[in-house]
Amino acid sequence: MAKHHESHLHGENKWFSKFQDYIGEFIYGGIDGSVTTFAVVAGAAGAHLDSAIVLILGFANLFADGFSMSVGSYLSTKSEKENYQKHKAIEYWEVDNLPEKEREEIREIYAAKGFEGELLEQVVDKITEDKDRWVDVMMKEELDMTEETKSPLQMGFVTFISFLILGFIPLIVYVIDYTGSGIDGDLFLYSST
């Protein structure tokens, strides 16, 4: 009952839980998409170009810059995962080959947290009795690294989609004008509001 109540308080549901892992990337991609597309539209409008030209430039920006951003997001996430794994392999090597040095590092870490005497030794013994636990503690406490759980492909995809969706907003007025719906007035002013 308590766990259900806590889940309710945190507003957990499977869809949102999955989405919230990527919300930062969605915002980052979306802001960049809207700002760069707005800049292209502003430049084209300043040159008094026809709506068709504004759309060509705007969509070229959307797809090219969106692709570039998504590849950057993919490579960044992939690099973080690879860097973590590299350091984790080093920690495993150190635990296997320099166990006393690594035990002393655990002792120092937990002594700095206020553990002392027999309790400190119990903590050190408990952590170091399991190699995986030992390495995980070293990764977090010594190197201040946590494992990236997000998929590089999903990060790239979220960036691209948010870039397209929010980057399309400054183009909406020009699409309406191009399709012949006939908007009176300065299209740029409509697209910037």
Protein backbone atom coordinates (compact mmCIF):
# COMPACT_ATOMS: atom_id res chain seq x y z
CA MET A 1 0.00 0.00 0.00
CA ALA A 2 2.78 2.45 0.93
CA LYS A 3 4.66 1.79 -2.32
CA HIS A 4 1.48 2.36 -4.35
CA HIS A 5 0.88 5.61 -2.46
CA GLU A 6 4.46 6.74 -3.07
CA SER A 7 4.19 5.91 -6.79
CA HIS A 8 1.00 7.94 -6.93
CA LEU A 9 2.73 10.89 -5.24
CA HIS A 10 5.53 10.83 -7.78
CA GLY A 11 3.02 10.63 -10.61
CA GLU A 12 4.66 7.56 -12.03
CA ASN A 13 3.31 5.89 -15.09
CA LYS A 14 5.22 3.86 -17.62
CA TRP A 15 4.88 6.28 -20.53
CA PHE A 16 5.89 9.36 -18.57
CA SER A 17 8.67 7.52 -16.77
CA LYS A 18 10.18 6.58 -20.14
CA PHE A 19 9.65 10.09 -21.57
CA GLN A 20 11.09 11.96 -18.59
CA ASP A 21 14.47 10.32 -19.22
CA TYR A 22 14.59 12.22 -22.50
CA ILE A 23 12.82 15.47 -21.62
CA GLY A 24 16.07 17.44 -21.38
CA GLU A 25 17.07 16.32 -24.87
CA PHE A 26 13.58 17.13 -26.18
CA ILE A 27 13.81 20.67 -24.80
CA TYR A 28 17.37 21.14 -26.05
CA GLY A 29 16.52 19.97 -29.57
CA GLY A 30 13.25 21.88 -29.66
CA ILE A 31 14.72 25.19 -28.57
CA ASP A 32 17.53 24.89 -31.08
CA GLY A 33 15.04 23.97 -33.81
CA SER A 34 12.78 26.92 -33.16
CA VAL A 35 15.61 29.44 -32.76
CA THR A 36 17.60 28.43 -35.84
CA THR A 37 14.49 28.19 -38.01
CA PHE A 38 13.35 31.57 -36.73
CA ALA A 39 16.76 33.00 -37.66
CA VAL A 40 16.48 31.60 -41.19
CA VAL A 41 12.93 32.96 -41.53
CA ALA A 42 14.04 36.36 -40.18
CA GLY A 43 16.88 36.54 -42.70
CA ALA A 44 14.65 35.53 -45.59
CA ALA A 45 11.91 37.92 -44.53
CA GLY A 46 14.45 40.71 -44.18
CA ALA A 47 15.48 40.07 -47.78
CA HIS A 48 11.80 40.21 -48.82
CA LEU A 49 11.93 36.73 -50.33
CA ASP A 50 8.84 34.95 -51.57
CA SER A 51 7.08 32.48 -49.23
CA ALA A 52 8.23 29.56 -51.38
CA ILE A 53 11.88 30.55 -50.90
CA VAL A 54 11.35 31.07 -47.17
CA LEU A 55 9.88 27.55 -46.98
CA ILE A 56 12.74 26.01 -48.95
CA LEU A 57 15.30 27.66 -46.69
CA GLY A 58 13.30 26.85 -43.56
CA PHE A 59 12.81 23.18 -44.39
CA ALA A 60 16.44 22.84 -45.49
CA ASN A 61 17.43 24.20 -42.08
CA LEU A 62 14.97 21.92 -40.30
CA PHE A 63 16.25 18.73 -41.85
CA ALA A 64 19.96 19.55 -42.12
CA ASP A 65 20.39 21.13 -38.70
CA GLY A 66 17.99 18.63 -37.13
CA PHE A 67 20.05 15.77 -38.55
CA SER A 68 23.25 17.40 -37.34
CA MET A 69 21.86 17.89 -33.84
CA SER A 70 20.58 14.32 -33.66
CA VAL A 71 23.92 12.87 -34.78
CA GLY A 72 25.67 15.05 -32.19
CA SER A 73 23.32 13.82 -29.47
CA TYR A 74 23.82 10.19 -30.54
CA LEU A 75 27.62 10.49 -30.58
CA SER A 76 27.71 12.37 -27.28
CA THR A 77 25.63 9.74 -25.48
CA LYS A 78 27.58 6.90 -27.10
CA SER A 79 30.87 8.51 -26.04
CA GLU A 80 29.67 8.90 -22.45
CA LYS A 81 28.72 5.21 -22.33
CA GLU A 82 32.07 4.16 -23.81
CA ASN A 83 34.00 6.41 -21.41
CA TYR A 84 32.16 4.92 -18.45
CA GLN A 85 32.90 1.36 -19.62
CA LYS A 86 36.58 2.22 -20.13
CA HIS A 87 36.91 3.54 -16.57
CA LYS A 88 34.94 0.59 -15.21
CA ALA A 89 37.38 -1.83 -16.89
CA ILE A 90 40.26 0.07 -15.27
CA GLU A 91 38.58 -0.21 -11.87
CA TYR A 92 38.12 -3.97 -12.35
CA TRP A 93 41.82 -4.25 -13.23
CA GLU A 94 42.78 -2.27 -10.12
CA VAL A 95 40.56 -4.41 -7.88
CA ASP A 96 42.11 -7.57 -9.35
CA ASN A 97 45.72 -6.36 -9.34
CA LEU A 98 45.92 -3.76 -6.56
CA PRO A 99 43.30 -4.93 -4.06
CA GLU A 100 44.94 -3.48 -0.92
CA LYS A 101 45.30 -0.06 -2.52
CA GLU A 102 41.66 -0.18 -3.61
CA ARG A 103 40.53 -1.33 -0.14
CA GLU A 104 42.40 1.62 1.33
CA GLU A 105 40.61 3.96 -1.08
CA ILE A 106 37.25 2.57 0.07
CA ARG A 107 38.37 3.05 3.68
CA GLU A 108 39.35 6.69 2.98
CA ILE A 109 36.08 7.41 1.16
CA TYR A 110 33.93 6.15 4.03
CA ALA A 111 36.16 7.63 6.74
CA ALA A 112 35.58 11.00 5.06
CA LYS A 113 31.83 10.32 5.38
CA GLY A 114 32.22 9.93 9.15
CA PHE A 115 32.55 6.16 9.52
CA GLU A 116 35.24 5.04 11.95
CA GLY A 117 36.55 2.13 13.95
CA GLU A 118 34.83 -1.24 13.71
CA LEU A 119 31.88 0.14 11.74
CA LEU A 120 34.27 1.50 9.10
CA GLU A 121 35.94 -1.91 8.80
CA GLN A 122 32.55 -3.62 8.48
CA VAL A 123 31.57 -1.23 5.68
CA VAL A 124 34.89 -1.82 3.89
CA ASP A 125 34.54 -5.61 4.30
CA LYS A 126 30.94 -5.61 3.06
CA ILE A 127 31.72 -3.50 -0.01
CA THR A 128 34.88 -5.39 -0.95
CA GLU A 129 33.44 -8.89 -0.52
CA ASP A 130 31.63 -8.52 -3.86
CA LYS A 131 33.77 -7.40 -6.80
CA ASP A 132 30.86 -5.89 -8.77
CA ARG A 133 29.63 -3.92 -5.75
CA TRP A 134 33.21 -2.83 -5.07
CA VAL A 135 33.70 -1.53 -8.60
CA ASP A 136 30.29 0.17 -8.61
CA VAL A 137 31.17 2.01 -5.38
CA MET A 138 34.55 3.05 -6.80
CA MET A 139 32.89 4.35 -9.98
CA LYS A 140 30.44 6.47 -8.03
CA GLU A 141 32.46 7.51 -5.00
CA GLU A 142 36.00 7.77 -6.38
CA LEU A 143 35.38 8.80 -9.99
CA ASP A 144 31.97 10.46 -9.48
CA MET A 145 30.64 8.60 -12.52
CA THR A 146 27.24 7.00 -12.98
CA GLU A 147 26.33 4.76 -15.86
CA GLU A 148 24.42 6.39 -18.72
CA THR A 149 21.26 4.34 -19.18
CA LYS A 150 19.79 6.26 -22.09
CA SER A 151 20.00 4.77 -25.55
CA PRO A 152 22.17 6.79 -27.95
CA LEU A 153 19.72 6.01 -30.77
CA GLN A 154 16.74 7.19 -28.75
CA MET A 155 18.60 10.34 -27.71
CA GLY A 156 19.31 11.14 -31.35
CA PHE A 157 15.73 10.36 -32.36
CA VAL A 158 14.22 12.54 -29.62
CA THR A 159 16.51 15.41 -30.59
CA PHE A 160 15.55 15.13 -34.27
CA ILE A 161 11.81 14.88 -33.64
CA SER A 162 11.73 17.79 -31.18
CA PHE A 163 13.86 19.85 -33.56
CA LEU A 164 11.36 19.20 -36.38
CA ILE A 165 8.22 19.78 -34.30
CA LEU A 166 9.26 23.01 -32.60
CA GLY A 167 11.36 24.19 -35.52
CA PHE A 168 8.28 24.00 -37.74
CA ILE A 169 6.45 26.66 -35.70
CA PRO A 170 8.10 29.69 -37.39
CA LEU A 171 7.22 28.16 -40.79
CA ILE A 172 3.49 27.61 -40.16
CA VAL A 173 2.41 31.04 -41.41
CA TYR A 174 4.49 30.62 -44.58
CA VAL A 175 2.98 27.17 -45.22
CA ILE A 176 -0.52 28.64 -44.85
CA ASP A 177 0.37 31.51 -47.20
CA TYR A 178 1.97 29.16 -49.73
CA THR A 179 -1.08 26.89 -49.83
CA GLY A 180 -3.14 29.88 -50.91
CA SER A 181 -5.10 30.57 -47.76
CA GLY A 182 -4.20 34.21 -48.22
CA ILE A 183 -2.89 35.85 -45.08
CA ASP A 184 -2.96 39.62 -45.17
CA GLY A 185 -0.17 41.56 -43.53
CA ASP A 186 3.46 40.94 -42.70
CA LEU A 187 4.01 37.17 -42.58
CA PHE A 188 7.20 37.53 -40.56
CA LEU A 189 5.33 39.31 -37.78
CA TYR A 190 2.79 36.49 -37.69
CA SER A 191 5.51 33.84 -37.61
CA SER A 192 7.33 35.52 -34.74
CA THR A 193 4.34 35.79 -32.41
